[in-house]
Structure formats: structure tokens, C-alpha cells
Amino acid sequence: MRTELSERLGIEHAIFGFTPFPAVAAAITRAGGLGVLGAVRYGTADELAKELDWMDAHVGGLPYGVDVVMPAKKVENVTVADVEAMIPAGHRDFVRETLARYGVPELPEGEQGGWRITGWMEDVARSHVDVALEHPIALLASALGHPPPDVVDRAHAAGVLVAALAGSARHARHHAEAGIDVVVAQGHEAGGHTGEIGTMVLVPEIVSAVAPIPVLAAGGIGTGAQAAAGIALGAQGVWLGSVWLTVTEADLSSPVLRAKLLAAGSGDTVRSRALTGKPARQLRTEWTDAWEQPDSPATLPMPLQGLLVADAVSRIQSYQTAELIGTPVGQIVGQMTEERPVAAVMDELTRGFAEAVARLDRVAATREDS
């Protein structure tokens, strides 16, 4: 499964795996793809540096990438405390009352919720970039738009390609104008922050809009046949995130959440602002439903919503509250029915890709014979 982009990056298969788990990213890289570690959950540069040091020791010198949440516009001299002070008291009351309704205990005294969206902050995001570029990464990806020009220039000076996710051709053109090397066309089916346009429509639109910049297909891709479809639409590879949540190497601490993922169907996700303030596809739960009820105060814009629910999400996860526990995941969750190691997933992807291409070859041969 090789393309011009995979050859350029020195990877065996044009499979890019986004994951918050270093062990999963390293396993993807060792299996011939490009593991991309999500940095947003690391609150300090030291935390990220420790994980990237571990990656360096476990990828056997093979390439990997880092994904940051980097605002294109600079936001300086704003602290987390400044932002939290903007959260209305009524929203805090709603969160407190919802948790009480389901009997979710408080966190132990002195313990703060670990699930906090701070990677968007200028100082945190830039510290992530600083650390990433101190390591031998091959790709720096940005999950919410393209990074500022100086970050793109720094990455290029270090010989690192820059990728950015796009949910429309208009967004993709902005990325191209900013000097981005790779555009990830992420369709409506994808987990996490995603737009309104389905992958089948979006990928060829973006391929046409930014040619000759390489495009990766993302959203609703979890099998080799789906990967082949992405390539057939003009992409030079595929970007997968959700399928890695249930692999053996994933450090998913919640057995309740793992069971919910393995049991979920493709219709059991919802695009909701309840987690971050931006529309993000995730498991539908009674928590996401609560924010859609008439008595809800309505979600806050990013990053207020993420900070508002940080402790709540930590409490729900810590106490394994089945009705409320969820995670960002795409519609491909309906095909994630068993726990497998990364190597097995990669093997199915590459074998399934070869089988799909062979089917197309047979169709083409039949047409030539007729």
C-alpha cells in the first residue's frame, strides 16, 4: 500500500494512525504505517517530552508524527484561570445537578480533573511544538486548522512535513495557502471534531481543490476495502483514529468504556458540543443527551466547555458511571467488535486493500474482454 507520500516519508504502508496512546502509535509505526501521537492531553511540555522519549526508544528508528491543537491566530497573555472565570455559574450548577442525578461521587479532596483542554492555549501549544521538534518526528499535524506561519516555517526548517485537517474544500484551500504539505480530508463520519460533509464527497473535492498537495482520506475508514476507496478517490493515504481505541495496546483504563465501544453500532454516535464546545462525534450517552434537553443551559464555546466539564468527565471515568461514560469515536465503531493487537489491524487493512484492488482489476479485465 505505497504512494508517493508514503515513499517520501519512508513508510511501508500509506496508513496514518492518530492515537492518544504512545504504545499504539509506536506499534503502528513498527507495523509499517505512521503512528501519530496526539499531544493535546499533555498539560506540560515535560509530560509530552517523556512520552516522545519513550517513542524514540520503541520505534526502532522508524518515522512517527505528533498531532497538536494549534490555533492559527495568536492568543497571548491568557491563562486557564482567566478562561475559567468566564464560565457562568448556571452552567456549573447544571453540571453539578446532572452528576448528582446519577450518583457520581466527588473526586477525592485535593484531586483535580485530569481531562482538561489546555492544548489550545498559546503557551501550551507552542511548548508542544518545541518538544516535538526536538525529537526525530517526520510529521507535525494540526487538528484544528493550520498552525501559525512561524510554526510551519520552523517545521520545514527541521525537515518535518506539516499536515492539517480540513472538513471542507474552503478550509483545505486556506491550508494550502499557508504552506501546508499534507491535507487530511476528514469527513462527517469521523470521530472527534468533524464537519458536515461525508467522506465520499469530501475527499475528491479536496483533492481537486489543493492539487498537487497530497491528501489523506479520513472518516469512516477502518477496513482495507475502505482504504482502497479512499485511494480510488484520489487520496495518497488514509488517516485512521477510532479503530485504535479498542486495540490491545490502547491504555483505555475503563473496562466499562471498552465494553461500550465493542458493543456499539454505527448509529450509536452523535455529533455534540458537550465535550469541547465544538461539534465532535462521540458515543451517544445520557451525558450528551442531557445537553440537548430543554432545561440545558446550552454548551459554551471552546475552550470554555472543555474546562467546564473537565472535573465532571474525570469523575465519570474514575467511578465508571456506565450511563454517562463516553469518548470521541467515529461511525466505524460499528465494525470495532473485538479487541485485537495493532499488528492484526494493520494486517487486515493491508490484506483487505490488496483484495479490493484485485476485485477492481478483475472488473477492469472483464470490461476489456467484452
Protein backbone atom coordinates (compact mmCIF):
# COMPACT_ATOMS: atom_id res chain seq x y z
CA MET A 1 0.00 0.00 0.00
CA ARG A 2 2.51 2.55 -1.24
CA THR A 3 2.01 6.02 -2.68
CA GLU A 4 4.25 8.98 -3.46
CA LEU A 5 3.60 10.33 0.04
CA SER A 6 4.46 7.07 1.81
CA GLU A 7 7.67 6.85 -0.21
CA ARG A 8 8.52 10.42 0.72
CA LEU A 9 8.06 9.65 4.41
CA GLY A 10 9.84 6.31 4.23
CA ILE A 11 6.93 4.20 5.44
CA GLU A 12 5.85 0.85 4.05
CA HIS A 13 2.10 1.49 4.02
CA ALA A 14 0.22 4.76 3.45
CA ILE A 15 -1.67 4.28 6.73
CA PHE A 16 -1.53 7.14 9.23
CA GLY A 17 -2.76 6.26 12.71
CA PHE A 18 -3.77 9.04 15.09
CA THR A 19 -3.93 7.98 18.75
CA PRO A 20 -3.54 9.45 22.24
CA PHE A 21 -1.61 6.34 23.34
CA PRO A 22 2.20 6.18 22.79
CA ALA A 23 2.22 2.37 22.77
CA VAL A 24 -0.35 2.34 19.98
CA ALA A 25 1.48 4.98 17.94
CA ALA A 26 4.74 3.07 18.24
CA ALA A 27 3.05 -0.20 17.25
CA ILE A 28 1.51 1.42 14.16
CA THR A 29 4.93 2.69 13.11
CA ARG A 30 6.58 -0.69 13.71
CA ALA A 31 3.86 -2.34 11.60
CA GLY A 32 4.77 -0.18 8.62
CA GLY A 33 2.42 2.79 9.00
CA LEU A 34 2.99 6.19 10.54
CA GLY A 35 1.90 6.43 14.16
CA VAL A 36 0.82 9.96 15.11
CA LEU A 37 0.67 10.76 18.84
CA GLY A 38 -1.98 13.26 19.95
CA ALA A 39 -0.42 15.88 22.22
CA VAL A 40 -3.45 17.84 23.41
CA ARG A 41 -3.97 15.82 26.58
CA TYR A 42 -0.49 16.66 27.89
CA GLY A 43 -0.69 19.67 30.16
CA THR A 44 3.06 20.34 30.24
CA ALA A 45 5.98 20.09 27.86
CA ASP A 46 7.74 17.72 30.25
CA GLU A 47 4.87 15.23 30.10
CA LEU A 48 4.96 15.18 26.31
CA ALA A 49 8.77 15.01 26.24
CA LYS A 50 8.72 11.92 28.44
CA GLU A 51 6.31 10.14 26.08
CA LEU A 52 8.27 11.12 22.98
CA ASP A 53 11.47 9.87 24.59
CA TRP A 54 9.65 6.57 25.09
CA MET A 55 8.53 6.63 21.45
CA ASP A 56 12.10 7.16 20.28
CA ALA A 57 13.17 4.08 22.21
CA HIS A 58 10.36 1.88 20.84
CA VAL A 59 10.00 2.65 17.12
CA GLY A 60 13.31 1.18 16.01
CA GLY A 61 14.37 4.34 14.23
CA LEU A 62 11.24 4.36 12.05
CA PRO A 63 9.31 7.61 11.44
CA TYR A 64 6.38 8.83 13.51
CA GLY A 65 4.41 12.03 13.94
CA VAL A 66 2.87 14.32 16.56
CA ASP A 67 -0.56 15.98 16.42
CA VAL A 68 -1.09 19.30 18.22
CA VAL A 69 -4.09 21.59 18.69
CA MET A 70 -2.51 24.79 17.47
CA PRO A 71 -4.55 27.97 17.00
CA ALA A 72 -3.74 29.73 13.74
CA LYS A 73 -4.24 33.11 15.45
CA LYS A 74 -2.08 34.08 18.37
CA VAL A 75 -3.76 34.36 21.78
CA GLU A 76 -1.30 35.71 24.30
CA ASN A 77 -1.35 36.58 27.99
CA VAL A 78 -4.43 34.46 28.70
CA THR A 79 -4.28 31.87 31.47
CA VAL A 80 -6.51 28.91 32.22
CA ALA A 81 -7.72 30.76 35.33
CA ASP A 82 -8.72 33.74 33.15
CA VAL A 83 -10.78 31.47 30.92
CA GLU A 84 -12.40 29.54 33.78
CA ALA A 85 -13.54 32.85 35.30
CA MET A 86 -15.70 33.34 32.18
CA ILE A 87 -17.80 30.22 32.87
CA PRO A 88 -21.32 31.19 34.08
CA ALA A 89 -22.45 29.89 37.46
CA GLY A 90 -25.61 28.43 35.89
CA HIS A 91 -23.54 26.10 33.74
CA ARG A 92 -21.60 24.88 36.76
CA ASP A 93 -24.91 24.24 38.55
CA PHE A 94 -26.20 22.21 35.60
CA VAL A 95 -23.10 20.00 35.58
CA ARG A 96 -23.30 19.52 39.35
CA GLU A 97 -27.01 18.62 39.22
CA THR A 98 -26.55 16.19 36.32
CA LEU A 99 -23.79 14.32 38.13
CA ALA A 100 -25.84 14.22 41.33
CA ARG A 101 -28.79 12.73 39.42
CA TYR A 102 -26.63 9.74 38.52
CA GLY A 103 -24.95 9.47 41.90
CA VAL A 104 -21.43 10.30 40.68
CA PRO A 105 -19.21 10.94 43.74
CA GLU A 106 -16.89 13.89 44.08
CA LEU A 107 -13.21 13.43 43.35
CA PRO A 108 -11.03 12.86 46.43
CA GLU A 109 -10.08 16.07 48.22
CA GLY A 110 -7.19 17.84 46.50
CA GLU A 111 -7.52 15.86 43.27
CA GLN A 112 -8.22 17.88 40.14
CA GLY A 113 -9.80 16.51 36.98
CA GLY A 114 -7.13 15.39 34.53
CA TRP A 115 -9.26 15.81 31.42
CA ARG A 116 -8.60 19.43 30.59
CA ILE A 117 -8.46 21.03 27.13
CA THR A 118 -5.45 23.31 27.60
CA GLY A 119 -3.51 22.38 24.47
CA TRP A 120 -5.22 25.19 22.57
CA MET A 121 -3.57 27.77 24.86
CA GLU A 122 -0.79 29.65 23.11
CA ASP A 123 1.90 28.80 25.64
CA VAL A 124 0.93 25.11 25.98
CA ALA A 125 0.53 24.55 22.24
CA ARG A 126 3.86 26.19 21.48
CA SER A 127 5.59 24.16 24.17
CA HIS A 128 4.20 21.02 22.50
CA VAL A 129 5.66 22.16 19.18
CA ASP A 130 9.01 22.94 20.82
CA VAL A 131 9.22 19.47 22.31
CA ALA A 132 8.02 17.73 19.14
CA LEU A 133 10.67 19.43 17.02
CA GLU A 134 13.38 18.38 19.47
CA HIS A 135 12.56 14.77 18.57
CA PRO A 136 13.08 12.98 15.24
CA ILE A 137 9.48 13.33 14.07
CA ALA A 138 8.55 13.10 10.38
CA LEU A 139 5.16 14.83 10.54
CA LEU A 140 3.63 17.63 12.60
CA ALA A 141 -0.16 17.59 12.30
CA SER A 142 -2.62 20.23 13.46
CA ALA A 143 -6.09 19.11 14.45
CA LEU A 144 -7.89 22.46 14.36
CA GLY A 145 -6.76 24.42 11.35
CA HIS A 146 -3.21 25.10 10.22
CA PRO A 147 -0.54 26.34 12.66
CA PRO A 148 0.75 29.92 12.57
CA PRO A 149 3.25 30.73 9.79
CA ASP A 150 6.27 30.76 12.09
CA VAL A 151 5.49 27.22 13.27
CA VAL A 152 5.13 26.00 9.69
CA ASP A 153 8.48 27.62 8.85
CA ARG A 154 10.18 26.03 11.87
CA ALA A 155 8.89 22.59 10.96
CA HIS A 156 10.04 22.96 7.35
CA ALA A 157 13.47 24.15 8.52
CA ALA A 158 13.72 20.95 10.54
CA GLY A 159 12.75 18.82 7.54
CA VAL A 160 9.35 17.98 9.03
CA LEU A 161 6.20 17.85 6.92
CA VAL A 162 3.15 19.73 8.22
CA ALA A 163 -0.38 18.33 7.94
CA ALA A 164 -3.72 19.93 8.77
CA LEU A 165 -7.23 18.53 8.99
CA ALA A 166 -9.97 20.00 6.82
CA GLY A 167 -13.72 19.45 6.70
CA SER A 168 -14.37 21.43 3.53
CA ALA A 169 -12.62 22.43 0.32
CA ARG A 170 -12.58 26.02 1.55
CA HIS A 171 -10.64 25.02 4.67
CA ALA A 172 -8.28 22.94 2.55
CA ARG A 173 -7.50 25.90 0.29
CA HIS A 174 -6.63 28.01 3.35
CA HIS A 175 -4.23 25.25 4.43
CA ALA A 176 -2.62 25.18 1.00
CA GLU A 177 -2.15 28.97 1.06
CA ALA A 178 -0.48 28.60 4.47
CA GLY A 179 2.15 26.25 3.06
CA ILE A 180 0.78 23.00 4.50
CA ASP A 181 2.35 19.86 2.98
CA VAL A 182 -0.48 17.37 3.58
CA VAL A 183 -4.22 17.92 3.92
CA VAL A 184 -6.30 15.41 5.87
CA ALA A 185 -9.81 15.39 4.39
CA GLN A 186 -11.89 14.41 7.40
CA GLY A 187 -15.48 13.50 6.60
CA HIS A 188 -18.65 13.73 8.67
CA GLU A 189 -18.34 10.07 9.76
CA ALA A 190 -15.13 10.71 11.68
CA GLY A 191 -14.72 10.72 15.44
CA GLY A 192 -13.83 13.92 17.27
CA HIS A 193 -14.16 17.37 15.72
CA THR A 194 -15.73 16.93 12.31
CA GLY A 195 -17.83 18.83 9.82
CA GLU A 196 -20.98 18.28 7.79
CA ILE A 197 -19.65 16.74 4.55
CA GLY A 198 -19.35 12.98 4.14
CA THR A 199 -16.02 11.37 3.25
CA MET A 200 -17.14 10.08 -0.16
CA VAL A 201 -17.98 13.63 -1.26
CA LEU A 202 -15.27 15.49 0.66
CA VAL A 203 -12.14 13.62 -0.43
CA PRO A 204 -12.37 14.20 -4.20
CA GLU A 205 -13.44 17.82 -3.62
CA ILE A 206 -10.33 18.48 -1.54
CA VAL A 207 -8.07 16.52 -3.89
CA SER A 208 -9.19 18.82 -6.71
CA ALA A 209 -9.00 21.95 -4.57
CA VAL A 210 -5.38 21.58 -3.41
CA ALA A 211 -3.69 19.54 -6.18
CA PRO A 212 -0.82 18.66 -6.31
CA ILE A 213 -0.65 18.73 -2.48
CA PRO A 214 -1.20 15.16 -1.19
CA VAL A 215 -4.46 14.41 0.60
CA LEU A 216 -5.25 11.76 3.21
CA ALA A 217 -8.77 10.34 3.42
CA ALA A 218 -10.31 10.22 6.90
CA GLY A 219 -13.69 9.45 8.40
CA GLY A 220 -15.46 6.09 8.38
CA ILE A 221 -12.33 4.18 7.35
CA GLY A 222 -11.46 1.02 9.25
CA THR A 223 -11.04 -1.76 6.68
CA GLY A 224 -8.77 -2.39 3.73
CA ALA A 225 -11.64 -2.02 1.27
CA GLN A 226 -12.47 1.40 2.73
CA ALA A 227 -8.80 2.37 2.48
CA ALA A 228 -8.85 1.33 -1.19
CA ALA A 229 -11.92 3.52 -1.70
CA GLY A 230 -10.02 6.48 -0.27
CA ILE A 231 -7.13 5.90 -2.66
CA ALA A 232 -9.59 5.49 -5.56
CA LEU A 233 -11.00 8.93 -4.69
CA GLY A 234 -7.57 10.46 -5.21
CA ALA A 235 -6.06 10.34 -1.72
CA GLN A 236 -2.44 9.33 -1.18
CA GLY A 237 -3.16 7.54 2.06
CA VAL A 238 -5.67 7.13 4.87
CA TRP A 239 -5.85 8.68 8.34
CA LEU A 240 -7.43 6.45 10.98
CA GLY A 241 -8.21 7.27 14.59
CA SER A 242 -11.20 5.43 16.03
CA VAL A 243 -10.10 1.89 15.14
CA TRP A 244 -7.15 2.10 17.53
CA LEU A 245 -9.29 2.73 20.63
CA THR A 246 -10.00 -0.97 21.17
CA VAL A 247 -6.62 -2.45 20.24
CA THR A 248 -4.76 -4.47 22.85
CA GLU A 249 -2.06 -1.80 23.26
CA ALA A 250 -4.54 1.02 23.98
CA ASP A 251 -4.28 2.29 27.55
CA LEU A 252 -8.04 2.55 27.91
CA SER A 253 -8.31 2.38 31.68
CA SER A 254 -12.08 1.92 31.73
CA PRO A 255 -13.37 -1.63 31.17
CA VAL A 256 -16.90 -0.18 31.03
CA LEU A 257 -15.95 2.15 28.18
CA ARG A 258 -14.12 -0.60 26.29
CA ALA A 259 -17.19 -2.83 26.54
CA LYS A 260 -19.43 0.02 25.32
CA LEU A 261 -17.18 0.60 22.31
CA LEU A 262 -17.11 -3.09 21.37
CA ALA A 263 -20.90 -3.32 21.66
CA ALA A 264 -21.77 -0.06 19.89
CA GLY A 265 -23.30 0.10 16.42
CA SER A 266 -22.56 2.67 13.73
CA GLY A 267 -25.72 4.55 14.77
CA ASP A 268 -24.66 4.89 18.40
CA THR A 269 -22.62 8.06 17.94
CA VAL A 270 -23.71 11.68 17.94
CA ARG A 271 -22.15 14.97 16.93
CA SER A 272 -22.26 17.01 20.12
CA ARG A 273 -20.67 20.12 21.60
CA ALA A 274 -20.94 18.67 25.11
CA LEU A 275 -17.28 17.69 25.35
CA THR A 276 -15.30 20.62 23.94
CA GLY A 277 -17.72 23.28 22.71
CA LYS A 278 -17.13 22.38 19.06
CA PRO A 279 -19.15 19.69 17.24
CA ALA A 280 -17.36 16.42 17.98
CA ARG A 281 -18.59 12.94 17.11
CA GLN A 282 -18.65 10.70 20.19
CA LEU A 283 -20.56 7.86 21.77
CA ARG A 284 -24.11 8.90 22.49
CA THR A 285 -24.71 8.75 26.24
CA GLU A 286 -27.11 10.16 28.79
CA TRP A 287 -24.49 12.87 29.33
CA THR A 288 -24.67 14.03 25.68
CA ASP A 289 -28.46 13.71 25.78
CA ALA A 290 -28.64 15.92 28.89
CA TRP A 291 -27.08 18.85 26.99
CA GLU A 292 -29.82 18.60 24.36
CA GLN A 293 -32.72 18.83 26.82
CA PRO A 294 -34.89 21.97 27.16
CA ASP A 295 -33.57 22.62 30.68
CA SER A 296 -29.95 22.61 29.49
CA PRO A 297 -28.17 25.98 29.59
CA ALA A 298 -26.65 25.10 26.16
CA THR A 299 -22.99 24.38 25.64
CA LEU A 300 -20.31 27.06 25.83
CA PRO A 301 -17.83 27.84 23.05
CA MET A 302 -14.41 26.22 23.03
CA PRO A 303 -12.41 26.23 25.28
CA LEU A 304 -14.95 27.17 27.99
CA GLN A 305 -16.95 23.96 27.60
CA GLY A 306 -13.90 21.73 27.90
CA LEU A 307 -12.79 23.43 31.09
CA LEU A 308 -16.34 23.41 32.46
CA VAL A 309 -16.69 19.63 32.12
CA ALA A 310 -13.10 18.66 32.94
CA ASP A 311 -13.74 17.55 36.51
CA ALA A 312 -17.09 16.00 35.54
CA VAL A 313 -15.50 13.83 32.83
CA SER A 314 -12.79 12.76 35.28
CA ARG A 315 -15.40 11.84 37.89
CA ILE A 316 -17.46 9.88 35.36
CA GLN A 317 -14.36 7.98 34.24
CA SER A 318 -12.98 7.44 37.75
CA TYR A 319 -16.23 5.96 39.05
CA GLN A 320 -17.12 4.11 35.82
CA THR A 321 -20.60 5.62 35.55
CA ALA A 322 -21.95 3.49 32.71
CA GLU A 323 -24.82 5.77 31.70
CA LEU A 324 -22.56 8.80 31.29
CA ILE A 325 -19.17 7.46 30.21
CA GLY A 326 -18.23 8.02 26.59
CA THR A 327 -15.43 9.06 24.27
CA PRO A 328 -14.89 10.64 20.87
CA VAL A 329 -15.31 7.91 18.23
CA GLY A 330 -16.47 7.71 14.63
CA GLN A 331 -19.23 5.75 12.97
CA ILE A 332 -16.71 2.99 12.19
CA VAL A 333 -17.29 1.92 15.82
CA GLY A 334 -19.94 -0.49 14.49
CA GLN A 335 -17.14 -2.57 12.97
CA MET A 336 -14.94 -2.47 16.09
CA THR A 337 -16.34 -5.68 17.56
CA GLU A 338 -13.26 -7.36 19.04
CA GLU A 339 -10.05 -6.47 20.80
CA ARG A 340 -7.01 -7.09 18.59
CA PRO A 341 -3.35 -6.05 18.59
CA VAL A 342 -2.27 -3.24 16.27
CA ALA A 343 -0.35 -5.68 14.08
CA ALA A 344 -3.56 -7.64 13.41
CA VAL A 345 -5.45 -4.46 12.45
CA MET A 346 -2.63 -3.41 10.12
CA ASP A 347 -2.56 -6.89 8.58
CA GLU A 348 -6.31 -6.76 7.89
CA LEU A 349 -6.01 -3.29 6.42
CA THR A 350 -3.23 -4.24 4.01
CA ARG A 351 -4.71 -7.61 3.04
CA GLY A 352 -8.16 -6.08 2.61
CA PHE A 353 -6.67 -3.31 0.49
CA ALA A 354 -4.95 -5.85 -1.80
CA GLU A 355 -8.16 -7.87 -2.13
CA ALA A 356 -10.18 -4.76 -3.01
CA VAL A 357 -7.65 -3.70 -5.64
CA ALA A 358 -7.69 -7.23 -7.09
CA ARG A 359 -11.50 -7.06 -7.36
CA LEU A 360 -11.25 -3.79 -9.26
CA ASP A 361 -8.60 -5.29 -11.52
CA ARG A 362 -10.95 -8.17 -12.33
CA VAL A 363 -13.74 -5.72 -13.16
CA ALA A 364 -11.38 -3.79 -15.43
CA ALA A 365 -10.23 -7.02 -17.11
CA THR A 366 -13.84 -8.06 -17.71
CA ARG A 367 -14.58 -4.74 -19.38
CA GLU A 368 -11.55 -5.10 -21.64
CA ASP A 369 -12.60 -8.63 -22.67
CA SER A 370 -16.16 -7.62 -23.52
